[in-house]
C-alpha atoms as a PDB file:
ATOM      1  CA  MET A   1     -29.880 -25.792  34.426  1.00  0.00           C
ATOM      2  CA  SER A   2     -27.555 -25.686  31.552  1.00  0.00           C
ATOM      3  CA  ILE A   3     -27.978 -23.523  28.543  1.00  0.00           C
ATOM      4  CA  GLU A   4     -26.952 -23.853  24.949  1.00  0.00           C
ATOM      5  CA  VAL A   5     -25.875 -20.769  23.093  1.00  0.00           C
ATOM      6  CA  ARG A   6     -25.386 -21.133  19.337  1.00  0.00           C
ATOM      7  CA  ARG A   7     -25.923 -19.483  15.934  1.00  0.00           C
ATOM      8  CA  VAL A   8     -29.410 -19.931  14.378  1.00  0.00           C
ATOM      9  CA  LEU A   9     -29.901 -22.324  11.455  1.00  0.00           C
ATOM     10  CA  ALA A  10     -31.663 -20.976   8.278  1.00  0.00           C
ATOM     11  CA  THR A  11     -34.360 -23.658   8.790  1.00  0.00           C
ATOM     12  CA  GLU A  12     -35.240 -22.374  12.224  1.00  0.00           C
ATOM     13  CA  TRP A  13     -37.115 -19.295  11.003  1.00  0.00           C
ATOM     14  CA  ALA A  14     -40.304 -20.098  12.806  1.00  0.00           C
ATOM     15  CA  ASP A  15     -38.410 -20.269  16.120  1.00  0.00           C
ATOM     16  CA  VAL A  16     -36.722 -17.004  15.326  1.00  0.00           C
ATOM     17  CA  ARG A  17     -40.037 -15.367  14.626  1.00  0.00           C
ATOM     18  CA  ASP A  18     -41.628 -16.807  17.882  1.00  0.00           C
ATOM     19  CA  LEU A  19     -38.778 -15.524  19.957  1.00  0.00           C
ATOM     20  CA  ARG A  20     -38.810 -12.112  18.364  1.00  0.00           C
ATOM     21  CA  LEU A  21     -42.629 -11.880  18.976  1.00  0.00           C
ATOM     22  CA  ARG A  22     -42.107 -12.886  22.552  1.00  0.00           C
ATOM     23  CA  ALA A  23     -39.482 -10.255  22.954  1.00  0.00           C
ATOM     24  CA  LEU A  24     -41.699  -7.538  21.459  1.00  0.00           C
ATOM     25  CA  GLN A  25     -44.265  -8.286  24.230  1.00  0.00           C
ATOM     26  CA  ASP A  26     -41.803  -7.538  26.985  1.00  0.00           C
ATOM     27  CA  PRO A  27     -42.802  -4.563  29.142  1.00  0.00           C
ATOM     28  CA  VAL A  28     -39.791  -2.571  28.041  1.00  0.00           C
ATOM     29  CA  ALA A  29     -40.050  -3.606  24.373  1.00  0.00           C
ATOM     30  CA  ALA A  30     -41.006  -0.001  23.349  1.00  0.00           C
ATOM     31  CA  LEU A  31     -37.669   1.200  24.804  1.00  0.00           C
ATOM     32  CA  ALA A  32     -35.599  -1.725  23.598  1.00  0.00           C
ATOM     33  CA  PHE A  33     -36.687  -2.460  19.984  1.00  0.00           C
ATOM     34  CA  LEU A  34     -37.362  -0.332  16.902  1.00  0.00           C
ATOM     35  CA  ASP A  35     -40.267  -2.621  16.122  1.00  0.00           C
ATOM     36  CA  THR A  36     -43.719  -3.538  17.509  1.00  0.00           C
ATOM     37  CA  PHE A  37     -45.443  -6.708  18.075  1.00  0.00           C
ATOM     38  CA  GLU A  38     -48.194  -5.696  15.728  1.00  0.00           C
ATOM     39  CA  ASN A  39     -45.785  -4.954  12.831  1.00  0.00           C
ATOM     40  CA  ALA A  40     -43.631  -8.041  13.390  1.00  0.00           C
ATOM     41  CA  SER A  41     -46.593 -10.396  13.674  1.00  0.00           C
ATOM     42  CA  ALA A  42     -48.005  -9.090  10.398  1.00  0.00           C
ATOM     43  CA  GLN A  43     -44.823 -10.142   8.478  1.00  0.00           C
ATOM     44  CA  PRO A  44     -45.140 -13.018   6.007  1.00  0.00           C
ATOM     45  CA  ASP A  45     -43.178 -16.228   6.424  1.00  0.00           C
ATOM     46  CA  ALA A  46     -40.888 -15.180   3.613  1.00  0.00           C
ATOM     47  CA  PHE A  47     -39.694 -12.157   5.692  1.00  0.00           C
ATOM     48  CA  TRP A  48     -38.727 -14.418   8.597  1.00  0.00           C
ATOM     49  CA  GLN A  49     -37.073 -16.987   6.260  1.00  0.00           C
ATOM     50  CA  HIS A  50     -34.943 -14.232   4.682  1.00  0.00           C
ATOM     51  CA  ARG A  51     -34.131 -12.683   8.059  1.00  0.00           C
ATOM     52  CA  THR A  52     -33.036 -15.995   9.506  1.00  0.00           C
ATOM     53  CA  ALA A  53     -30.991 -17.078   6.505  1.00  0.00           C
ATOM     54  CA  ASN A  54     -29.178 -13.772   6.676  1.00  0.00           C
ATOM     55  CA  ALA A  55     -28.245 -14.384  10.307  1.00  0.00           C
ATOM     56  CA  ALA A  56     -27.420 -18.034   9.861  1.00  0.00           C
ATOM     57  CA  GLU A  57     -24.168 -19.781   8.704  1.00  0.00           C
ATOM     58  CA  ARG A  58     -22.833 -18.016   5.565  1.00  0.00           C
ATOM     59  CA  GLY A  59     -25.151 -15.026   6.223  1.00  0.00           C
ATOM     60  CA  SER A  60     -23.736 -11.502   6.573  1.00  0.00           C
ATOM     61  CA  ASN A  61     -24.938 -11.151  10.150  1.00  0.00           C
ATOM     62  CA  ALA A  62     -25.002 -13.647  13.044  1.00  0.00           C
ATOM     63  CA  GLN A  63     -27.778 -14.233  15.463  1.00  0.00           C
ATOM     64  CA  PHE A  64     -27.095 -16.260  18.442  1.00  0.00           C
ATOM     65  CA  VAL A  65     -29.809 -17.888  20.649  1.00  0.00           C
ATOM     66  CA  ALA A  66     -29.968 -19.197  24.181  1.00  0.00           C
ATOM     67  CA  ILE A  67     -31.897 -22.504  24.514  1.00  0.00           C
ATOM     68  CA  ALA A  68     -32.845 -24.136  27.801  1.00  0.00           C
ATOM     69  CA  ASP A  69     -32.522 -27.935  28.530  1.00  0.00           C
ATOM     70  CA  ASP A  70     -36.172 -28.327  27.589  1.00  0.00           C
ATOM     71  CA  GLY A  71     -35.755 -26.865  24.156  1.00  0.00           C
ATOM     72  CA  GLU A  72     -37.193 -23.486  25.049  1.00  0.00           C
ATOM     73  CA  TRP A  73     -35.636 -20.484  23.131  1.00  0.00           C
ATOM     74  CA  PHE A  74     -35.364 -17.766  25.726  1.00  0.00           C
ATOM     75  CA  GLY A  75     -32.532 -15.385  24.639  1.00  0.00           C
ATOM     76  CA  SER A  76     -31.176 -13.801  21.501  1.00  0.00           C
ATOM     77  CA  ALA A  77     -28.552 -11.364  20.277  1.00  0.00           C
ATOM     78  CA  THR A  78     -27.703 -10.405  16.678  1.00  0.00           C
ATOM     79  CA  VAL A  79     -24.411  -8.958  15.619  1.00  0.00           C
ATOM     80  CA  LEU A  80     -23.887  -6.874  12.381  1.00  0.00           C
ATOM     81  CA  PRO A  81     -20.406  -6.206  10.969  1.00  0.00           C
ATOM     82  CA  SER A  82     -19.551  -2.556  10.687  1.00  0.00           C
ATOM     83  CA  GLY A  83     -17.819  -2.549   7.354  1.00  0.00           C
ATOM     84  CA  LEU A  84     -15.093  -0.293   8.746  1.00  0.00           C
ATOM     85  CA  GLU A  85     -11.334  -1.175   8.563  1.00  0.00           C
ATOM     86  CA  GLY A  86      -8.685  -0.701  11.143  1.00  0.00           C
ATOM     87  CA  PRO A  87      -8.650  -0.242  14.895  1.00  0.00           C
ATOM     88  CA  GLU A  88     -11.947   1.743  14.931  1.00  0.00           C
ATOM     89  CA  SER A  89     -13.826  -1.136  13.475  1.00  0.00           C
ATOM     90  CA  THR A  90     -16.639  -2.360  15.661  1.00  0.00           C
ATOM     91  CA  ALA A  91     -19.548  -4.744  15.108  1.00  0.00           C
ATOM     92  CA  LEU A  92     -22.998  -3.592  16.131  1.00  0.00           C
ATOM     93  CA  ILE A  93     -25.158  -5.771  18.451  1.00  0.00           C
ATOM     94  CA  VAL A  94     -28.895  -5.475  18.086  1.00  0.00           C
ATOM     95  CA  GLY A  95     -31.979  -7.311  19.167  1.00  0.00           C
ATOM     96  CA  VAL A  96     -30.807  -8.309  22.584  1.00  0.00           C
ATOM     97  CA  TYR A  97     -33.329 -10.256  24.673  1.00  0.00           C
ATOM     98  CA  VAL A  98     -33.280 -12.581  27.540  1.00  0.00           C
ATOM     99  CA  ALA A  99     -36.793 -13.707  28.904  1.00  0.00           C
ATOM    100  CA  GLU A 100     -37.879 -13.004  32.409  1.00  0.00           C
ATOM    101  CA  GLY A 101     -37.165 -16.138  34.443  1.00  0.00           C
ATOM    102  CA  HIS A 102     -33.809 -16.678  32.735  1.00  0.00           C
ATOM    103  CA  ARG A 103     -32.243 -13.312  33.520  1.00  0.00           C
ATOM    104  CA  GLY A 104     -29.220 -13.265  35.829  1.00  0.00           C
ATOM    105  CA  ALA A 105     -28.223 -16.835  35.015  1.00  0.00           C
ATOM    106  CA  GLY A 106     -25.390 -16.046  32.594  1.00  0.00           C
ATOM    107  CA  ALA A 107     -27.145 -16.225  29.300  1.00  0.00           C
ATOM    108  CA  ILE A 108     -26.538 -12.617  28.279  1.00  0.00           C
ATOM    109  CA  GLU A 109     -22.806 -12.931  29.001  1.00  0.00           C
ATOM    110  CA  THR A 110     -22.652 -16.129  26.850  1.00  0.00           C
ATOM    111  CA  LEU A 111     -24.611 -14.485  24.068  1.00  0.00           C
ATOM    112  CA  PHE A 112     -22.255 -11.438  24.138  1.00  0.00           C
ATOM    113  CA  ASP A 113     -19.233 -13.779  24.217  1.00  0.00           C
ATOM    114  CA  GLU A 114     -20.447 -15.523  21.106  1.00  0.00           C
ATOM    115  CA  CYS A 115     -21.061 -12.226  19.324  1.00  0.00           C
ATOM    116  CA  ALA A 116     -17.482 -11.124  20.425  1.00  0.00           C
ATOM    117  CA  THR A 117     -15.944 -14.282  19.011  1.00  0.00           C
ATOM    118  CA  TRP A 118     -17.775 -13.969  15.717  1.00  0.00           C
ATOM    119  CA  SER A 119     -16.981 -10.242  15.478  1.00  0.00           C
ATOM    120  CA  ALA A 120     -13.294 -10.779  16.055  1.00  0.00           C
ATOM    121  CA  GLU A 121     -13.277 -13.494  13.380  1.00  0.00           C
ATOM    122  CA  GLN A 122     -14.689 -10.833  10.986  1.00  0.00           C
ATOM    123  CA  GLY A 123     -11.894  -8.434  11.963  1.00  0.00           C
ATOM    124  CA  ALA A 124     -13.724  -6.180  14.386  1.00  0.00           C
ATOM    125  CA  TYR A 125     -11.801  -4.672  17.334  1.00  0.00           C
ATOM    126  CA  GLY A 126     -14.922  -3.987  19.365  1.00  0.00           C
ATOM    127  CA  LEU A 127     -18.631  -4.379  19.945  1.00  0.00           C
ATOM    128  CA  THR A 128     -21.005  -1.459  19.962  1.00  0.00           C
ATOM    129  CA  LEU A 129     -24.640  -1.365  21.001  1.00  0.00           C
ATOM    130  CA  GLU A 130     -27.222   1.341  21.775  1.00  0.00           C
ATOM    131  CA  VAL A 131     -29.440   1.320  24.819  1.00  0.00           C
ATOM    132  CA  HIS A 132     -32.393   3.614  25.645  1.00  0.00           C
ATOM    133  CA  VAL A 133     -31.534   6.232  28.385  1.00  0.00           C
ATOM    134  CA  ASP A 134     -34.545   4.989  30.359  1.00  0.00           C
ATOM    135  CA  ASN A 135     -33.807   1.286  30.077  1.00  0.00           C
ATOM    136  CA  HIS A 136     -31.761   0.952  33.361  1.00  0.00           C
ATOM    137  CA  ARG A 137     -32.123  -2.790  33.515  1.00  0.00           C
ATOM    138  CA  ALA A 138     -30.375  -3.327  30.207  1.00  0.00           C
ATOM    139  CA  GLN A 139     -27.738  -0.607  30.926  1.00  0.00           C
ATOM    140  CA  ALA A 140     -26.817  -2.465  34.187  1.00  0.00           C
ATOM    141  CA  ALA A 141     -26.634  -5.771  32.340  1.00  0.00           C
ATOM    142  CA  TYR A 142     -24.461  -4.395  29.605  1.00  0.00           C
ATOM    143  CA  GLU A 143     -22.072  -2.691  32.039  1.00  0.00           C
ATOM    144  CA  ARG A 144     -21.785  -6.060  33.933  1.00  0.00           C
ATOM    145  CA  CYS A 145     -20.793  -7.517  30.546  1.00  0.00           C
ATOM    146  CA  GLY A 146     -17.982  -5.127  30.028  1.00  0.00           C
ATOM    147  CA  PHE A 147     -19.606  -2.304  27.944  1.00  0.00           C
ATOM    148  CA  THR A 148     -19.016   1.312  28.777  1.00  0.00           C
ATOM    149  CA  ARG A 149     -20.635   4.424  27.604  1.00  0.00           C
ATOM    150  CA  THR A 150     -18.823   6.379  24.911  1.00  0.00           C
ATOM    151  CA  GLY A 151     -20.409   9.659  25.795  1.00  0.00           C
ATOM    152  CA  GLN A 152     -22.254   9.714  22.509  1.00  0.00           C
ATOM    153  CA  ILE A 153     -26.062   9.824  22.448  1.00  0.00           C
ATOM    154  CA  THR A 154     -28.145   8.905  19.477  1.00  0.00           C
ATOM    155  CA  GLU A 155     -31.655  10.013  18.581  1.00  0.00           C
ATOM    156  CA  LEU A 156     -33.787   7.203  17.219  1.00  0.00           C
ATOM    157  CA  GLU A 157     -37.496   6.656  16.715  1.00  0.00           C
ATOM    158  CA  ASN A 158     -37.994   5.394  20.307  1.00  0.00           C
ATOM    159  CA  GLY A 159     -36.006   8.317  21.926  1.00  0.00           C
ATOM    160  CA  ARG A 160     -32.440   8.971  23.085  1.00  0.00           C
ATOM    161  CA  GLU A 161     -29.954   6.040  23.331  1.00  0.00           C
ATOM    162  CA  TYR A 162     -26.518   5.835  24.872  1.00  0.00           C
ATOM    163  CA  VAL A 163     -23.833   4.329  22.698  1.00  0.00           C
ATOM    164  CA  MET A 164     -21.820   1.643  24.584  1.00  0.00           C
ATOM    165  CA  VAL A 165     -18.651  -0.191  23.475  1.00  0.00           C
ATOM    166  CA  ARG A 166     -16.763  -3.282  24.625  1.00  0.00           C
ATOM    167  CA  PRO A 167     -13.186  -3.796  23.248  1.00  0.00           C
ATOM    168  CA  LEU A 168     -12.151  -7.154  21.700  1.00  0.00           C
ATOM    169  CA  VAL A 169      -8.802  -8.810  21.181  1.00  0.00           C
ATOM    170  CA  PRO A 170      -9.152  -9.770  17.534  1.00  0.00           C
ATOM    171  CA  ASN A 171      -7.770 -13.040  16.176  1.00  0.00           C
ATOM    172  CA  ALA A 172      -4.516 -12.843  14.337  1.00  0.00           C
ATOM    173  CA  ARG A 173      -5.127 -12.154  10.624  1.00  0.00           C
END
């Protein structure tokens, strides 16, 4: 099975919504996301249209999706620029999800590689993400993809999270 990983289009807001709702039903969603299925499913279409447009081409963020041969959207990662300048500048990855049945097939690595390429083009020197201290499955996947713990722990609504980073080799400016 081959997978396509690409940036979302602004017109694909319904697919973005459906994938997010699917992710929020995952058994570890309470650890992985700062949102709930109930909250997200109550959002109007305009919310999803705006969110998708902001992550599509010419948007300030970038959302990449993994799509199977049969057209099923099964994975996603969104990257937000940090706004920092210099060698400490990192981009923040949020909303990482790969559906069960597709895990371990290389989708997460490809999603992160796309995030890395986009972030380097924005001038970032690294990728940052946060992962719940009890989400061992995600921690192992992130470590496999080159992320390491910084030693910093953040306190969020869903509990304590490790901060992890992955260095980039930025494009020449």
